[in-house]
Amino acid sequence: MSGPDGFEIIGTTTIADAGFLALVEREVRGHGETFTRVVVEHPGAVVVVPVDADGETITLVRQYRAATGTDMLEVPAGKRDVEGEAPERTAERELVEEIGRRPGRLVPLGEFYNTPGFCSEYTYLFAAFDLEVVERASATVEEAAMTIEQIALADVDDLIASREIVDAKTIIGLTLTRRFLAGEYPGLR
């Protein structure tokens, strides 16, 4: 069956399976042509912007990223790698693992594909409020080594302009959170 855009996937072959990621070749038919595309299949992710009680400060993490070979300043985030787990539950789990906070309230701000040109990763974005301090439960060596940093929302533009923040999910998350807090964005309905 063909989708509304006239393309359909007619076959998939796994090239490599790397645990939570798989590299696949998809055979696609559409508009009188058949072609292949290599795709990274990803289980999806959550992104959480933890907003402190003052409403003017957020909590970010600085962690090593092997893909870039550098430390990056980011919002807490994580894979949706627990079968059947709701995005909200994944968001709660990631906050406990990364910053030792449990949200009293999560506001869904958006959903997006990170890099749809080659990857299926779909991300759920939340702002987290009413944060309760709990014991941090780091699950990986990167999480155990990351630092936790408080950032004033008023400094976000300068951090982006100076390339201190270069991570797309963080830029999207911070932008929508600031707009939500200013009453300029309703969040998802």
C-alpha atoms as a PDB file:
ATOM      1  CA  MET A   1       0.000   0.000   0.000  1.00  0.00           C
ATOM      2  CA  SER A   2       1.314   3.390  -0.968  1.00  0.00           C
ATOM      3  CA  GLY A   3       1.323   6.378   1.385  1.00  0.00           C
ATOM      4  CA  PRO A   4      -0.248   9.746   0.566  1.00  0.00           C
ATOM      5  CA  ASP A   5       3.083  10.952  -0.841  1.00  0.00           C
ATOM      6  CA  GLY A   6       3.200   8.114  -3.382  1.00  0.00           C
ATOM      7  CA  PHE A   7       6.134   6.255  -1.777  1.00  0.00           C
ATOM      8  CA  GLU A   8       6.111   2.905  -0.013  1.00  0.00           C
ATOM      9  CA  ILE A   9       8.739   0.758   1.650  1.00  0.00           C
ATOM     10  CA  ILE A  10       8.689  -2.600  -0.101  1.00  0.00           C
ATOM     11  CA  GLY A  11      11.594  -4.284   1.682  1.00  0.00           C
ATOM     12  CA  THR A  12      14.048  -3.902   4.541  1.00  0.00           C
ATOM     13  CA  THR A  13      17.369  -5.694   5.027  1.00  0.00           C
ATOM     14  CA  THR A  14      19.399  -5.373   8.218  1.00  0.00           C
ATOM     15  CA  ILE A  15      23.011  -4.493   7.447  1.00  0.00           C
ATOM     16  CA  ALA A  16      24.215  -4.300  11.070  1.00  0.00           C
ATOM     17  CA  ASP A  17      22.616  -4.620  14.479  1.00  0.00           C
ATOM     18  CA  ALA A  18      24.338  -2.647  17.218  1.00  0.00           C
ATOM     19  CA  GLY A  19      22.093  -3.248  20.199  1.00  0.00           C
ATOM     20  CA  PHE A  20      19.608  -0.402  20.390  1.00  0.00           C
ATOM     21  CA  LEU A  21      20.544   0.792  16.873  1.00  0.00           C
ATOM     22  CA  ALA A  22      20.245  -1.031  13.583  1.00  0.00           C
ATOM     23  CA  LEU A  23      21.604  -0.029  10.203  1.00  0.00           C
ATOM     24  CA  VAL A  24      19.124  -1.120   7.548  1.00  0.00           C
ATOM     25  CA  GLU A  25      18.731  -0.811   3.828  1.00  0.00           C
ATOM     26  CA  ARG A  26      15.196   0.070   2.778  1.00  0.00           C
ATOM     27  CA  GLU A  27      13.880  -0.611  -0.692  1.00  0.00           C
ATOM     28  CA  VAL A  28      11.409   2.103  -1.648  1.00  0.00           C
ATOM     29  CA  ARG A  29       9.028   2.362  -4.581  1.00  0.00           C
ATOM     30  CA  GLY A  30       7.366   5.548  -5.715  1.00  0.00           C
ATOM     31  CA  HIS A  31       6.691   7.757  -8.690  1.00  0.00           C
ATOM     32  CA  GLY A  32       7.685   5.019 -11.121  1.00  0.00           C
ATOM     33  CA  GLU A  33      11.070   4.359  -9.498  1.00  0.00           C
ATOM     34  CA  THR A  34      12.506   1.785  -7.100  1.00  0.00           C
ATOM     35  CA  PHE A  35      15.516   2.807  -5.015  1.00  0.00           C
ATOM     36  CA  THR A  36      17.323   1.992  -1.762  1.00  0.00           C
ATOM     37  CA  ARG A  37      18.165   4.147   1.222  1.00  0.00           C
ATOM     38  CA  VAL A  38      20.352   3.298   4.201  1.00  0.00           C
ATOM     39  CA  VAL A  39      18.611   4.177   7.458  1.00  0.00           C
ATOM     40  CA  VAL A  40      19.598   4.087  11.131  1.00  0.00           C
ATOM     41  CA  GLU A  41      16.695   2.633  13.120  1.00  0.00           C
ATOM     42  CA  HIS A  42      16.530   4.159  16.607  1.00  0.00           C
ATOM     43  CA  PRO A  43      14.043   3.416  19.412  1.00  0.00           C
ATOM     44  CA  GLY A  44      13.333   7.112  19.975  1.00  0.00           C
ATOM     45  CA  ALA A  45      14.208   9.476  22.796  1.00  0.00           C
ATOM     46  CA  VAL A  46      12.978  11.948  25.360  1.00  0.00           C
ATOM     47  CA  VAL A  47      14.324  15.401  26.139  1.00  0.00           C
ATOM     48  CA  VAL A  48      13.556  17.126  29.426  1.00  0.00           C
ATOM     49  CA  VAL A  49      14.139  20.756  30.407  1.00  0.00           C
ATOM     50  CA  PRO A  50      14.203  20.847  34.226  1.00  0.00           C
ATOM     51  CA  VAL A  51      12.934  24.243  35.393  1.00  0.00           C
ATOM     52  CA  ASP A  52      13.947  25.246  38.909  1.00  0.00           C
ATOM     53  CA  ALA A  53      11.371  26.627  41.365  1.00  0.00           C
ATOM     54  CA  ASP A  54      12.334  30.235  40.575  1.00  0.00           C
ATOM     55  CA  GLY A  55      11.251  29.757  36.939  1.00  0.00           C
ATOM     56  CA  GLU A  56      14.413  31.545  35.823  1.00  0.00           C
ATOM     57  CA  THR A  57      17.002  28.782  36.105  1.00  0.00           C
ATOM     58  CA  ILE A  58      17.257  25.431  34.374  1.00  0.00           C
ATOM     59  CA  THR A  59      19.482  22.436  34.968  1.00  0.00           C
ATOM     60  CA  LEU A  60      21.754  21.189  32.191  1.00  0.00           C
ATOM     61  CA  VAL A  61      24.334  18.438  32.044  1.00  0.00           C
ATOM     62  CA  ARG A  62      27.790  18.520  30.563  1.00  0.00           C
ATOM     63  CA  GLN A  63      28.778  15.129  29.244  1.00  0.00           C
ATOM     64  CA  TYR A  64      31.249  13.485  26.926  1.00  0.00           C
ATOM     65  CA  ARG A  65      29.860  12.521  23.520  1.00  0.00           C
ATOM     66  CA  ALA A  66      31.893   9.964  21.571  1.00  0.00           C
ATOM     67  CA  ALA A  67      30.295  11.058  18.266  1.00  0.00           C
ATOM     68  CA  THR A  68      31.781  14.550  18.612  1.00  0.00           C
ATOM     69  CA  GLY A  69      34.803  13.667  20.736  1.00  0.00           C
ATOM     70  CA  THR A  70      33.972  16.522  23.102  1.00  0.00           C
ATOM     71  CA  ASP A  71      31.965  17.414  26.176  1.00  0.00           C
ATOM     72  CA  MET A  72      28.629  19.017  25.369  1.00  0.00           C
ATOM     73  CA  LEU A  73      26.277  21.169  27.433  1.00  0.00           C
ATOM     74  CA  GLU A  74      22.808  19.651  27.032  1.00  0.00           C
ATOM     75  CA  VAL A  75      19.396  19.206  28.541  1.00  0.00           C
ATOM     76  CA  PRO A  76      18.868  15.782  30.139  1.00  0.00           C
ATOM     77  CA  ALA A  77      17.816  13.238  27.532  1.00  0.00           C
ATOM     78  CA  GLY A  78      17.714   9.537  26.942  1.00  0.00           C
ATOM     79  CA  LYS A  79      16.689   6.650  24.744  1.00  0.00           C
ATOM     80  CA  ARG A  80      13.239   5.081  24.807  1.00  0.00           C
ATOM     81  CA  ASP A  81      14.810   1.673  25.226  1.00  0.00           C
ATOM     82  CA  VAL A  82      12.400   0.100  27.727  1.00  0.00           C
ATOM     83  CA  GLU A  83       9.715  -1.866  25.884  1.00  0.00           C
ATOM     84  CA  GLY A  84       6.239  -0.375  26.401  1.00  0.00           C
ATOM     85  CA  GLU A  85       7.445   2.496  28.600  1.00  0.00           C
ATOM     86  CA  ALA A  86       5.471   5.721  28.091  1.00  0.00           C
ATOM     87  CA  PRO A  87       7.521   8.794  27.095  1.00  0.00           C
ATOM     88  CA  GLU A  88       6.576  10.507  30.381  1.00  0.00           C
ATOM     89  CA  ARG A  89       7.958   7.588  32.387  1.00  0.00           C
ATOM     90  CA  THR A  90      11.170   7.615  30.331  1.00  0.00           C
ATOM     91  CA  ALA A  91      11.487  11.355  31.049  1.00  0.00           C
ATOM     92  CA  GLU A  92      11.100  10.763  34.796  1.00  0.00           C
ATOM     93  CA  ARG A  93      13.665   7.930  34.726  1.00  0.00           C
ATOM     94  CA  GLU A  94      16.202  10.007  32.806  1.00  0.00           C
ATOM     95  CA  LEU A  95      15.932  12.933  35.241  1.00  0.00           C
ATOM     96  CA  VAL A  96      16.624  10.623  38.180  1.00  0.00           C
ATOM     97  CA  GLU A  97      19.578   9.010  36.387  1.00  0.00           C
ATOM     98  CA  GLU A  98      21.146  12.222  35.138  1.00  0.00           C
ATOM     99  CA  ILE A  99      20.422  14.943  37.705  1.00  0.00           C
ATOM    100  CA  GLY A 100      18.845  13.248  40.731  1.00  0.00           C
ATOM    101  CA  ARG A 101      15.473  15.004  40.385  1.00  0.00           C
ATOM    102  CA  ARG A 102      11.951  13.629  40.068  1.00  0.00           C
ATOM    103  CA  PRO A 103       9.438  15.910  38.336  1.00  0.00           C
ATOM    104  CA  GLY A 104       6.142  16.686  40.029  1.00  0.00           C
ATOM    105  CA  ARG A 105       4.771  17.867  36.701  1.00  0.00           C
ATOM    106  CA  LEU A 106       5.761  17.306  33.075  1.00  0.00           C
ATOM    107  CA  VAL A 107       4.480  19.581  30.321  1.00  0.00           C
ATOM    108  CA  PRO A 108       4.733  18.188  26.771  1.00  0.00           C
ATOM    109  CA  LEU A 109       6.204  20.916  24.555  1.00  0.00           C
ATOM    110  CA  GLY A 110       6.861  19.165  21.270  1.00  0.00           C
ATOM    111  CA  GLU A 111       7.778  16.096  19.288  1.00  0.00           C
ATOM    112  CA  PHE A 112      10.280  15.934  16.457  1.00  0.00           C
ATOM    113  CA  TYR A 113      12.470  13.778  14.262  1.00  0.00           C
ATOM    114  CA  ASN A 114      16.111  14.536  14.992  1.00  0.00           C
ATOM    115  CA  THR A 115      17.658  13.733  11.600  1.00  0.00           C
ATOM    116  CA  PRO A 116      14.971  12.311   9.292  1.00  0.00           C
ATOM    117  CA  GLY A 117      17.286  12.246   6.293  1.00  0.00           C
ATOM    118  CA  PHE A 118      18.887   9.045   7.593  1.00  0.00           C
ATOM    119  CA  CYS A 119      17.571   8.173  11.072  1.00  0.00           C
ATOM    120  CA  SER A 120      14.176   7.147  12.484  1.00  0.00           C
ATOM    121  CA  GLU A 121      14.813   8.707  15.938  1.00  0.00           C
ATOM    122  CA  TYR A 122      11.635  10.435  17.166  1.00  0.00           C
ATOM    123  CA  THR A 123      11.923  12.617  20.252  1.00  0.00           C
ATOM    124  CA  TYR A 124       9.377  13.710  22.874  1.00  0.00           C
ATOM    125  CA  LEU A 125      10.170  17.053  24.529  1.00  0.00           C
ATOM    126  CA  PHE A 126       9.002  17.973  28.041  1.00  0.00           C
ATOM    127  CA  ALA A 127       9.497  20.811  30.503  1.00  0.00           C
ATOM    128  CA  ALA A 128       9.729  19.503  34.076  1.00  0.00           C
ATOM    129  CA  PHE A 129       8.474  21.430  37.097  1.00  0.00           C
ATOM    130  CA  ASP A 130       8.156  20.901  40.875  1.00  0.00           C
ATOM    131  CA  LEU A 131      11.428  19.002  41.011  1.00  0.00           C
ATOM    132  CA  GLU A 132      12.015  16.761  44.021  1.00  0.00           C
ATOM    133  CA  VAL A 133      15.593  15.934  45.007  1.00  0.00           C
ATOM    134  CA  VAL A 134      16.210  12.156  44.964  1.00  0.00           C
ATOM    135  CA  GLU A 135      19.272   9.935  44.889  1.00  0.00           C
ATOM    136  CA  ARG A 136      20.931  10.093  41.484  1.00  0.00           C
ATOM    137  CA  ALA A 137      20.863   6.693  39.763  1.00  0.00           C
ATOM    138  CA  SER A 138      23.438   6.955  36.967  1.00  0.00           C
ATOM    139  CA  ALA A 139      23.152   4.054  34.528  1.00  0.00           C
ATOM    140  CA  THR A 140      26.253   4.571  32.350  1.00  0.00           C
ATOM    141  CA  VAL A 141      29.869   5.659  32.775  1.00  0.00           C
ATOM    142  CA  GLU A 142      29.074   8.864  30.835  1.00  0.00           C
ATOM    143  CA  GLU A 143      26.215   9.688  33.219  1.00  0.00           C
ATOM    144  CA  ALA A 144      28.430   9.008  36.255  1.00  0.00           C
ATOM    145  CA  ALA A 145      31.091  11.370  34.870  1.00  0.00           C
ATOM    146  CA  MET A 146      28.760  14.157  33.716  1.00  0.00           C
ATOM    147  CA  THR A 147      28.526  17.424  35.595  1.00  0.00           C
ATOM    148  CA  ILE A 148      25.284  19.156  36.492  1.00  0.00           C
ATOM    149  CA  GLU A 149      25.097  22.891  35.804  1.00  0.00           C
ATOM    150  CA  GLN A 150      22.519  25.525  36.703  1.00  0.00           C
ATOM    151  CA  ILE A 151      21.973  28.014  33.869  1.00  0.00           C
ATOM    152  CA  ALA A 152      19.940  31.205  33.928  1.00  0.00           C
ATOM    153  CA  LEU A 153      17.368  31.220  31.137  1.00  0.00           C
ATOM    154  CA  ALA A 154      18.415  34.828  30.485  1.00  0.00           C
ATOM    155  CA  ASP A 155      21.871  33.514  29.454  1.00  0.00           C
ATOM    156  CA  VAL A 156      20.623  30.991  26.873  1.00  0.00           C
ATOM    157  CA  ASP A 157      20.929  33.257  23.817  1.00  0.00           C
ATOM    158  CA  ASP A 158      24.534  34.120  24.713  1.00  0.00           C
ATOM    159  CA  LEU A 159      25.380  30.442  25.291  1.00  0.00           C
ATOM    160  CA  ILE A 160      24.021  29.575  21.847  1.00  0.00           C
ATOM    161  CA  ALA A 161      25.684  32.570  20.148  1.00  0.00           C
ATOM    162  CA  SER A 162      29.055  31.718  21.730  1.00  0.00           C
ATOM    163  CA  ARG A 163      28.684  28.070  20.636  1.00  0.00           C
ATOM    164  CA  GLU A 164      28.694  26.839  24.234  1.00  0.00           C
ATOM    165  CA  ILE A 165      25.386  25.156  23.385  1.00  0.00           C
ATOM    166  CA  VAL A 166      25.464  23.525  19.942  1.00  0.00           C
ATOM    167  CA  ASP A 167      23.137  20.577  20.499  1.00  0.00           C
ATOM    168  CA  ALA A 168      19.903  20.826  18.467  1.00  0.00           C
ATOM    169  CA  LYS A 169      17.616  19.108  20.996  1.00  0.00           C
ATOM    170  CA  THR A 170      18.884  21.481  23.687  1.00  0.00           C
ATOM    171  CA  ILE A 171      18.314  24.563  21.524  1.00  0.00           C
ATOM    172  CA  ILE A 172      14.786  23.388  20.647  1.00  0.00           C
ATOM    173  CA  GLY A 173      14.026  22.503  24.273  1.00  0.00           C
ATOM    174  CA  LEU A 174      15.303  25.755  25.736  1.00  0.00           C
ATOM    175  CA  THR A 175      13.577  27.870  23.098  1.00  0.00           C
ATOM    176  CA  LEU A 176      10.171  26.249  23.599  1.00  0.00           C
ATOM    177  CA  THR A 177      10.530  26.238  27.397  1.00  0.00           C
ATOM    178  CA  ARG A 178      11.274  29.977  27.465  1.00  0.00           C
ATOM    179  CA  ARG A 179       8.283  30.652  25.217  1.00  0.00           C
ATOM    180  CA  PHE A 180       6.065  28.461  27.434  1.00  0.00           C
ATOM    181  CA  LEU A 181       7.197  30.252  30.604  1.00  0.00           C
ATOM    182  CA  ALA A 182       6.545  33.639  28.944  1.00  0.00           C
ATOM    183  CA  GLY A 183       3.008  32.571  28.026  1.00  0.00           C
ATOM    184  CA  GLU A 184       3.822  32.737  24.298  1.00  0.00           C
ATOM    185  CA  TYR A 185       3.514  29.003  23.617  1.00  0.00           C
ATOM    186  CA  PRO A 186       0.768  26.675  24.896  1.00  0.00           C
ATOM    187  CA  GLY A 187       2.692  23.400  24.706  1.00  0.00           C
ATOM    188  CA  LEU A 188       1.131  20.372  23.041  1.00  0.00           C
ATOM    189  CA  ARG A 189      -2.587  19.869  23.361  1.00  0.00           C
END
